[in-house]
Amino acid sequence: MFKIEKQTIVQYGRFNVVDFTTKGREIRDLINSGTLIGWDDPRLPTLSGIRRRGVTPEALRAFAIGVGVTKFVSVTDIAVYEH
């Protein structure tokens, strides 16, 4: 009758990297204090920061697939990416 498509909902846990902050509030505070340039600062694990480091989308996809998806909070060492 209404022709509404069925939605798929995927839940996943928080992805943390050792020695990096991934919390938006903490990143915003560092930007506002002048410690970081902006959301695209290459020191940040944001997509725009990673892009400025020269990481290709293919490499990022391979990293995400290698780490995997879980419903739980996961912590990954950056060394996993560097291999």
PDB file of N, CA and C in Angstrom:
ATOM      1  N   MET A   1       0.823  -1.188   0.000  1.00  0.00           N
ATOM      2  CA  MET A   1       0.000   0.000   0.000  1.00  0.00           C
ATOM      3  C   MET A   1       0.877   1.265   0.000  1.00  0.00           C
ATOM      4  N   PHE A   2       1.798   1.397   0.988  1.00  0.00           N
ATOM      5  CA  PHE A   2       2.656   2.578   1.051  1.00  0.00           C
ATOM      6  C   PHE A   2       3.977   2.371   0.316  1.00  0.00           C
ATOM      7  N   LYS A   3       4.288   1.134  -0.018  1.00  0.00           N
ATOM      8  CA  LYS A   3       5.513   0.783  -0.734  1.00  0.00           C
ATOM      9  C   LYS A   3       6.770   1.302  -0.022  1.00  0.00           C
ATOM     10  N   ILE A   4       6.837   1.052   1.277  1.00  0.00           N
ATOM     11  CA  ILE A   4       7.994   1.450   2.072  1.00  0.00           C
ATOM     12  C   ILE A   4       9.011   0.321   2.034  1.00  0.00           C
ATOM     13  N   GLU A   5      10.255   0.664   1.708  1.00  0.00           N
ATOM     14  CA  GLU A   5      11.313  -0.339   1.643  1.00  0.00           C
ATOM     15  C   GLU A   5      11.740  -0.758   3.046  1.00  0.00           C
ATOM     16  N   LYS A   6      12.075  -2.028   3.178  1.00  0.00           N
ATOM     17  CA  LYS A   6      12.542  -2.548   4.456  1.00  0.00           C
ATOM     18  C   LYS A   6      13.941  -1.990   4.731  1.00  0.00           C
ATOM     19  N   GLN A   7      14.151  -1.500   5.941  1.00  0.00           N
ATOM     20  CA  GLN A   7      15.438  -0.937   6.318  1.00  0.00           C
ATOM     21  C   GLN A   7      16.298  -1.987   6.996  1.00  0.00           C
ATOM     22  N   THR A   8      17.600  -1.888   6.764  1.00  0.00           N
ATOM     23  CA  THR A   8      18.563  -2.742   7.440  1.00  0.00           C
ATOM     24  C   THR A   8      19.347  -1.884   8.411  1.00  0.00           C
ATOM     25  N   ILE A   9      19.377  -2.300   9.646  1.00  0.00           N
ATOM     26  CA  ILE A   9      20.091  -1.549  10.673  1.00  0.00           C
ATOM     27  C   ILE A   9      21.310  -2.360  11.098  1.00  0.00           C
ATOM     28  N   VAL A  10      22.464  -1.729  11.040  1.00  0.00           N
ATOM     29  CA  VAL A  10      23.701  -2.380  11.430  1.00  0.00           C
ATOM     30  C   VAL A  10      24.253  -1.652  12.651  1.00  0.00           C
ATOM     31  N   GLN A  11      24.496  -2.394  13.712  1.00  0.00           N
ATOM     32  CA  GLN A  11      25.076  -1.809  14.912  1.00  0.00           C
ATOM     33  C   GLN A  11      26.539  -2.213  14.996  1.00  0.00           C
ATOM     34  N   TYR A  12      27.368  -1.285  15.382  1.00  0.00           N
ATOM     35  CA  TYR A  12      28.782  -1.593  15.519  1.00  0.00           C
ATOM     36  C   TYR A  12      29.342  -0.846  16.714  1.00  0.00           C
ATOM     37  N   GLY A  13      30.448  -1.358  17.235  1.00  0.00           N
ATOM     38  CA  GLY A  13      31.074  -0.766  18.408  1.00  0.00           C
ATOM     39  C   GLY A  13      32.027   0.357  18.040  1.00  0.00           C
ATOM     40  N   ARG A  14      32.436   1.076  19.042  1.00  0.00           N
ATOM     41  CA  ARG A  14      33.388   2.170  18.858  1.00  0.00           C
ATOM     42  C   ARG A  14      34.749   1.613  18.467  1.00  0.00           C
ATOM     43  N   PHE A  15      35.404   2.297  17.552  1.00  0.00           N
ATOM     44  CA  PHE A  15      36.714   1.885  17.061  1.00  0.00           C
ATOM     45  C   PHE A  15      37.747   2.868  17.586  1.00  0.00           C
ATOM     46  N   ASN A  16      38.652   2.392  18.420  1.00  0.00           N
ATOM     47  CA  ASN A  16      39.691   3.241  18.987  1.00  0.00           C
ATOM     48  C   ASN A  16      41.063   2.788  18.496  1.00  0.00           C
ATOM     49  N   VAL A  17      41.958   3.745  18.354  1.00  0.00           N
ATOM     50  CA  VAL A  17      43.336   3.456  17.971  1.00  0.00           C
ATOM     51  C   VAL A  17      44.224   3.912  19.124  1.00  0.00           C
ATOM     52  N   VAL A  18      45.160   3.053  19.522  1.00  0.00           N
ATOM     53  CA  VAL A  18      46.055   3.359  20.640  1.00  0.00           C
ATOM     54  C   VAL A  18      46.794   4.674  20.376  1.00  0.00           C
ATOM     55  N   ASP A  19      46.876   5.522  21.372  1.00  0.00           N
ATOM     56  CA  ASP A  19      47.571   6.811  21.335  1.00  0.00           C
ATOM     57  C   ASP A  19      46.907   7.856  20.434  1.00  0.00           C
ATOM     58  N   PHE A  20      45.680   7.631  20.010  1.00  0.00           N
ATOM     59  CA  PHE A  20      44.922   8.620  19.237  1.00  0.00           C
ATOM     60  C   PHE A  20      43.607   8.867  19.942  1.00  0.00           C
ATOM     61  N   THR A  21      43.145  10.093  19.930  1.00  0.00           N
ATOM     62  CA  THR A  21      41.824  10.374  20.462  1.00  0.00           C
ATOM     63  C   THR A  21      40.833  10.341  19.310  1.00  0.00           C
ATOM     64  N   THR A  22      39.739   9.619  19.503  1.00  0.00           N
ATOM     65  CA  THR A  22      38.709   9.541  18.476  1.00  0.00           C
ATOM     66  C   THR A  22      37.406  10.173  18.955  1.00  0.00           C
ATOM     67  N   LYS A  23      37.438  10.786  20.106  1.00  0.00           N
ATOM     68  CA  LYS A  23      36.239  11.407  20.663  1.00  0.00           C
ATOM     69  C   LYS A  23      36.106  12.834  20.131  1.00  0.00           C
ATOM     70  N   GLY A  24      34.980  13.110  19.532  1.00  0.00           N
ATOM     71  CA  GLY A  24      34.738  14.411  18.912  1.00  0.00           C
ATOM     72  C   GLY A  24      34.916  15.588  19.855  1.00  0.00           C
ATOM     73  N   ARG A  25      34.440  15.449  21.081  1.00  0.00           N
ATOM     74  CA  ARG A  25      34.567  16.549  22.040  1.00  0.00           C
ATOM     75  C   ARG A  25      36.026  16.853  22.358  1.00  0.00           C
ATOM     76  N   GLU A  26      36.833  15.794  22.526  1.00  0.00           N
ATOM     77  CA  GLU A  26      38.251  16.003  22.820  1.00  0.00           C
ATOM     78  C   GLU A  26      38.965  16.642  21.626  1.00  0.00           C
ATOM     79  N   ILE A  27      38.637  16.185  20.432  1.00  0.00           N
ATOM     80  CA  ILE A  27      39.247  16.761  19.228  1.00  0.00           C
ATOM     81  C   ILE A  27      38.855  18.225  19.093  1.00  0.00           C
ATOM     82  N   ARG A  28      37.574  18.526  19.314  1.00  0.00           N
ATOM     83  CA  ARG A  28      37.108  19.919  19.224  1.00  0.00           C
ATOM     84  C   ARG A  28      37.839  20.810  20.217  1.00  0.00           C
ATOM     85  N   ASP A  29      38.043  20.320  21.446  1.00  0.00           N
ATOM     86  CA  ASP A  29      38.765  21.103  22.453  1.00  0.00           C
ATOM     87  C   ASP A  29      40.212  21.360  22.024  1.00  0.00           C
ATOM     88  N   LEU A  30      40.858  20.355  21.430  1.00  0.00           N
ATOM     89  CA  LEU A  30      42.238  20.529  20.952  1.00  0.00           C
ATOM     90  C   LEU A  30      42.307  21.532  19.801  1.00  0.00           C
ATOM     91  N   ILE A  31      41.299  21.530  18.949  1.00  0.00           N
ATOM     92  CA  ILE A  31      41.248  22.496  17.842  1.00  0.00           C
ATOM     93  C   ILE A  31      41.018  23.900  18.389  1.00  0.00           C
ATOM     94  N   ASN A  32      40.072  24.035  19.314  1.00  0.00           N
ATOM     95  CA  ASN A  32      39.758  25.355  19.886  1.00  0.00           C
ATOM     96  C   ASN A  32      40.922  25.928  20.688  1.00  0.00           C
ATOM     97  N   SER A  33      41.745  25.064  21.292  1.00  0.00           N
ATOM     98  CA  SER A  33      42.884  25.547  22.067  1.00  0.00           C
ATOM     99  C   SER A  33      44.079  25.889  21.182  1.00  0.00           C
ATOM    100  N   GLY A  34      44.001  25.525  19.899  1.00  0.00           N
ATOM    101  CA  GLY A  34      45.092  25.825  18.973  1.00  0.00           C
ATOM    102  C   GLY A  34      46.144  24.735  18.897  1.00  0.00           C
ATOM    103  N   THR A  35      45.935  23.642  19.625  1.00  0.00           N
ATOM    104  CA  THR A  35      46.882  22.525  19.590  1.00  0.00           C
ATOM    105  C   THR A  35      46.873  21.856  18.221  1.00  0.00           C
ATOM    106  N   LEU A  36      45.696  21.773  17.620  1.00  0.00           N
ATOM    107  CA  LEU A  36      45.534  21.193  16.284  1.00  0.00           C
ATOM    108  C   LEU A  36      45.024  22.261  15.329  1.00  0.00           C
ATOM    109  N   ILE A  37      45.324  22.091  14.056  1.00  0.00           N
ATOM    110  CA  ILE A  37      44.937  23.071  13.034  1.00  0.00           C
ATOM    111  C   ILE A  37      43.441  23.040  12.778  1.00  0.00           C
ATOM    112  N   GLY A  38      42.889  21.854  12.636  1.00  0.00           N
ATOM    113  CA  GLY A  38      41.468  21.680  12.336  1.00  0.00           C
ATOM    114  C   GLY A  38      41.155  20.202  12.227  1.00  0.00           C
ATOM    115  N   TRP A  39      39.943  19.897  11.777  1.00  0.00           N
ATOM    116  CA  TRP A  39      39.521  18.505  11.670  1.00  0.00           C
ATOM    117  C   TRP A  39      40.340  17.737  10.634  1.00  0.00           C
ATOM    118  N   ASP A  40      40.996  18.449   9.739  1.00  0.00           N
ATOM    119  CA  ASP A  40      41.814  17.775   8.725  1.00  0.00           C
ATOM    120  C   ASP A  40      43.298  17.764   9.092  1.00  0.00           C
ATOM    121  N   ASP A  41      43.618  18.019  10.360  1.00  0.00           N
ATOM    122  CA  ASP A  41      45.009  17.956  10.814  1.00  0.00           C
ATOM    123  C   ASP A  41      45.525  16.536  10.600  1.00  0.00           C
ATOM    124  N   PRO A  42      46.669  16.368   9.956  1.00  0.00           N
ATOM    125  CA  PRO A  42      47.187  15.028   9.670  1.00  0.00           C
ATOM    126  C   PRO A  42      47.492  14.179  10.903  1.00  0.00           C
ATOM    127  N   ARG A  43      47.544  14.799  12.070  1.00  0.00           N
ATOM    128  CA  ARG A  43      47.793  14.038  13.302  1.00  0.00           C
ATOM    129  C   ARG A  43      46.536  13.362  13.825  1.00  0.00           C
ATOM    130  N   LEU A  44      45.390  13.695  13.250  1.00  0.00           N
ATOM    131  CA  LEU A  44      44.123  13.139  13.710  1.00  0.00           C
ATOM    132  C   LEU A  44      43.735  11.890  12.926  1.00  0.00           C
ATOM    133  N   PRO A  45      42.997  10.989  13.571  1.00  0.00           N
ATOM    134  CA  PRO A  45      42.513   9.798  12.868  1.00  0.00           C
ATOM    135  C   PRO A  45      41.179  10.026  12.158  1.00  0.00           C
ATOM    136  N   THR A  46      40.876  11.276  11.812  1.00  0.00           N
ATOM    137  CA  THR A  46      39.653  11.562  11.056  1.00  0.00           C
ATOM    138  C   THR A  46      39.895  11.234   9.588  1.00  0.00           C
ATOM    139  N   LEU A  47      38.819  11.021   8.840  1.00  0.00           N
ATOM    140  CA  LEU A  47      38.975  10.707   7.415  1.00  0.00           C
ATOM    141  C   LEU A  47      39.720  11.810   6.674  1.00  0.00           C
ATOM    142  N   SER A  48      39.399  13.063   6.975  1.00  0.00           N
ATOM    143  CA  SER A  48      40.087  14.158   6.288  1.00  0.00           C
ATOM    144  C   SER A  48      41.557  14.254   6.711  1.00  0.00           C
ATOM    145  N   GLY A  49      41.857  13.949   7.975  1.00  0.00           N
ATOM    146  CA  GLY A  49      43.244  13.938   8.434  1.00  0.00           C
ATOM    147  C   GLY A  49      44.035  12.808   7.801  1.00  0.00           C
ATOM    148  N   ILE A  50      43.412  11.655   7.690  1.00  0.00           N
ATOM    149  CA  ILE A  50      44.062  10.504   7.047  1.00  0.00           C
ATOM    150  C   ILE A  50      44.299  10.795   5.565  1.00  0.00           C
ATOM    151  N   ARG A  51      43.338  11.421   4.927  1.00  0.00           N
ATOM    152  CA  ARG A  51      43.480  11.778   3.507  1.00  0.00           C
ATOM    153  C   ARG A  51      44.653  12.734   3.307  1.00  0.00           C
ATOM    154  N   ARG A  52      44.828  13.693   4.230  1.00  0.00           N
ATOM    155  CA  ARG A  52      45.952  14.643   4.119  1.00  0.00           C
ATOM    156  C   ARG A  52      47.297  13.964   4.314  1.00  0.00           C
ATOM    157  N   ARG A  53      47.310  12.815   5.001  1.00  0.00           N
ATOM    158  CA  ARG A  53      48.549  12.055   5.151  1.00  0.00           C
ATOM    159  C   ARG A  53      48.890  11.282   3.890  1.00  0.00           C
ATOM    160  N   GLY A  54      47.980  11.268   2.930  1.00  0.00           N
ATOM    161  CA  GLY A  54      48.241  10.576   1.677  1.00  0.00           C
ATOM    162  C   GLY A  54      47.775   9.136   1.640  1.00  0.00           C
ATOM    163  N   VAL A  55      46.971   8.748   2.600  1.00  0.00           N
ATOM    164  CA  VAL A  55      46.460   7.381   2.633  1.00  0.00           C
ATOM    165  C   VAL A  55      45.359   7.240   1.580  1.00  0.00           C
ATOM    166  N   THR A  56      45.450   6.210   0.781  1.00  0.00           N
ATOM    167  CA  THR A  56      44.464   5.998  -0.284  1.00  0.00           C
ATOM    168  C   THR A  56      43.203   5.341   0.287  1.00  0.00           C
ATOM    169  N   PRO A  57      42.068   5.542  -0.384  1.00  0.00           N
ATOM    170  CA  PRO A  57      40.839   4.871   0.061  1.00  0.00           C
ATOM    171  C   PRO A  57      40.978   3.349   0.084  1.00  0.00           C
ATOM    172  N   GLU A  58      41.728   2.805  -0.865  1.00  0.00           N
ATOM    173  CA  GLU A  58      41.919   1.352  -0.916  1.00  0.00           C
ATOM    174  C   GLU A  58      42.660   0.853   0.324  1.00  0.00           C
ATOM    175  N   ALA A  59      43.686   1.591   0.741  1.00  0.00           N
ATOM    176  CA  ALA A  59      44.454   1.202   1.927  1.00  0.00           C
ATOM    177  C   ALA A  59      43.584   1.281   3.179  1.00  0.00           C
ATOM    178  N   LEU A  60      42.731   2.298   3.263  1.00  0.00           N
ATOM    179  CA  LEU A  60      41.842   2.447   4.411  1.00  0.00           C
ATOM    180  C   LEU A  60      40.815   1.323   4.443  1.00  0.00           C
ATOM    181  N   ARG A  61      40.278   0.952   3.291  1.00  0.00           N
ATOM    182  CA  ARG A  61      39.334  -0.164   3.219  1.00  0.00           C
ATOM    183  C   ARG A  61      39.993  -1.474   3.669  1.00  0.00           C
ATOM    184  N   ALA A  62      41.216  -1.708   3.189  1.00  0.00           N
ATOM    185  CA  ALA A  62      41.941  -2.922   3.573  1.00  0.00           C
ATOM    186  C   ALA A  62      42.173  -2.960   5.077  1.00  0.00           C
ATOM    187  N   PHE A  63      42.499  -1.817   5.675  1.00  0.00           N
ATOM    188  CA  PHE A  63      42.699  -1.730   7.121  1.00  0.00           C
ATOM    189  C   PHE A  63      41.399  -2.060   7.854  1.00  0.00           C
ATOM    190  N   ALA A  64      40.289  -1.468   7.421  1.00  0.00           N
ATOM    191  CA  ALA A  64      38.998  -1.700   8.070  1.00  0.00           C
ATOM    192  C   ALA A  64      38.586  -3.161   7.962  1.00  0.00           C
ATOM    193  N   ILE A  65      38.797  -3.768   6.809  1.00  0.00           N
ATOM    194  CA  ILE A  65      38.454  -5.174   6.631  1.00  0.00           C
ATOM    195  C   ILE A  65      39.348  -6.046   7.502  1.00  0.00           C
ATOM    196  N   GLY A  66      40.628  -5.691   7.591  1.00  0.00           N
ATOM    197  CA  GLY A  66      41.560  -6.460   8.414  1.00  0.00           C
ATOM    198  C   GLY A  66      41.227  -6.418   9.895  1.00  0.00           C
ATOM    199  N   VAL A  67      40.768  -5.265  10.362  1.00  0.00           N
ATOM    200  CA  VAL A  67      40.412  -5.101  11.771  1.00  0.00           C
ATOM    201  C   VAL A  67      39.083  -5.793  12.049  1.00  0.00           C
ATOM    202  N   GLY A  68      38.138  -5.674  11.116  1.00  0.00           N
ATOM    203  CA  GLY A  68      36.836  -6.315  11.262  1.00  0.00           C
ATOM    204  C   GLY A  68      35.828  -5.437  11.977  1.00  0.00           C
ATOM    205  N   VAL A  69      34.589  -5.887  11.960  1.00  0.00           N
ATOM    206  CA  VAL A  69      33.481  -5.169  12.588  1.00  0.00           C
ATOM    207  C   VAL A  69      32.997  -5.985  13.769  1.00  0.00           C
ATOM    208  N   THR A  70      32.739  -5.311  14.858  1.00  0.00           N
ATOM    209  CA  THR A  70      32.249  -5.963  16.061  1.00  0.00           C
ATOM    210  C   THR A  70      31.216  -5.067  16.734  1.00  0.00           C
ATOM    211  N   LYS A  71      30.407  -5.646  17.582  1.00  0.00           N
ATOM    212  CA  LYS A  71      29.427  -4.867  18.331  1.00  0.00           C
ATOM    213  C   LYS A  71      30.024  -4.292  19.609  1.00  0.00           C
ATOM    214  N   PHE A  72      31.271  -4.634  19.867  1.00  0.00           N
ATOM    215  CA  PHE A  72      31.931  -4.211  21.095  1.00  0.00           C
ATOM    216  C   PHE A  72      32.990  -3.158  20.804  1.00  0.00           C
ATOM    217  N   VAL A  73      33.353  -2.406  21.821  1.00  0.00           N
ATOM    218  CA  VAL A  73      34.423  -1.416  21.689  1.00  0.00           C
ATOM    219  C   VAL A  73      35.720  -2.170  21.405  1.00  0.00           C
ATOM    220  N   SER A  74      36.436  -1.730  20.377  1.00  0.00           N
ATOM    221  CA  SER A  74      37.701  -2.385  20.048  1.00  0.00           C
ATOM    222  C   SER A  74      38.828  -1.363  20.043  1.00  0.00           C
ATOM    223  N   VAL A  75      40.004  -1.808  20.442  1.00  0.00           N
ATOM    224  CA  VAL A  75      41.192  -0.959  20.456  1.00  0.00           C
ATOM    225  C   VAL A  75      42.215  -1.615  19.544  1.00  0.00           C
ATOM    226  N   THR A  76      42.723  -0.842  18.597  1.00  0.00           N
ATOM    227  CA  THR A  76      43.685  -1.355  17.626  1.00  0.00           C
ATOM    228  C   THR A  76      44.949  -0.526  17.685  1.00  0.00           C
ATOM    229  N   ASP A  77      46.081  -1.182  17.560  1.00  0.00           N
ATOM    230  CA  ASP A  77      47.363  -0.488  17.514  1.00  0.00           C
ATOM    231  C   ASP A  77      47.604   0.007  16.095  1.00  0.00           C
ATOM    232  N   ILE A  78      48.135   1.195  15.944  1.00  0.00           N
ATOM    233  CA  ILE A  78      48.390   1.777  14.631  1.00  0.00           C
ATOM    234  C   ILE A  78      49.376   0.924  13.840  1.00  0.00           C
ATOM    235  N   ALA A  79      50.177   0.126  14.517  1.00  0.00           N
ATOM    236  CA  ALA A  79      51.141  -0.752  13.836  1.00  0.00           C
ATOM    237  C   ALA A  79      50.431  -1.742  12.918  1.00  0.00           C
ATOM    238  N   VAL A  80      49.175  -2.077  13.241  1.00  0.00           N
ATOM    239  CA  VAL A  80      48.397  -2.980  12.382  1.00  0.00           C
ATOM    240  C   VAL A  80      48.208  -2.336  11.022  1.00  0.00           C
ATOM    241  N   TYR A  81      47.971  -1.028  10.998  1.00  0.00           N
ATOM    242  CA  TYR A  81      47.786  -0.322   9.736  1.00  0.00           C
ATOM    243  C   TYR A  81      49.089  -0.205   8.954  1.00  0.00           C
ATOM    244  N   GLU A  82      50.168   0.016   9.661  1.00  0.00           N
ATOM    245  CA  GLU A  82      51.444   0.271   9.000  1.00  0.00           C
ATOM    246  C   GLU A  82      52.000  -0.952   8.313  1.00  0.00           C
ATOM    247  N   HIS A  83      51.443  -2.118   8.567  1.00  0.00           N
ATOM    248  CA  HIS A  83      51.907  -3.333   7.890  1.00  0.00           C
ATOM    249  C   HIS A  83      51.143  -3.450   6.641  1.00  0.00           C
TER     250      HIS A  83
END
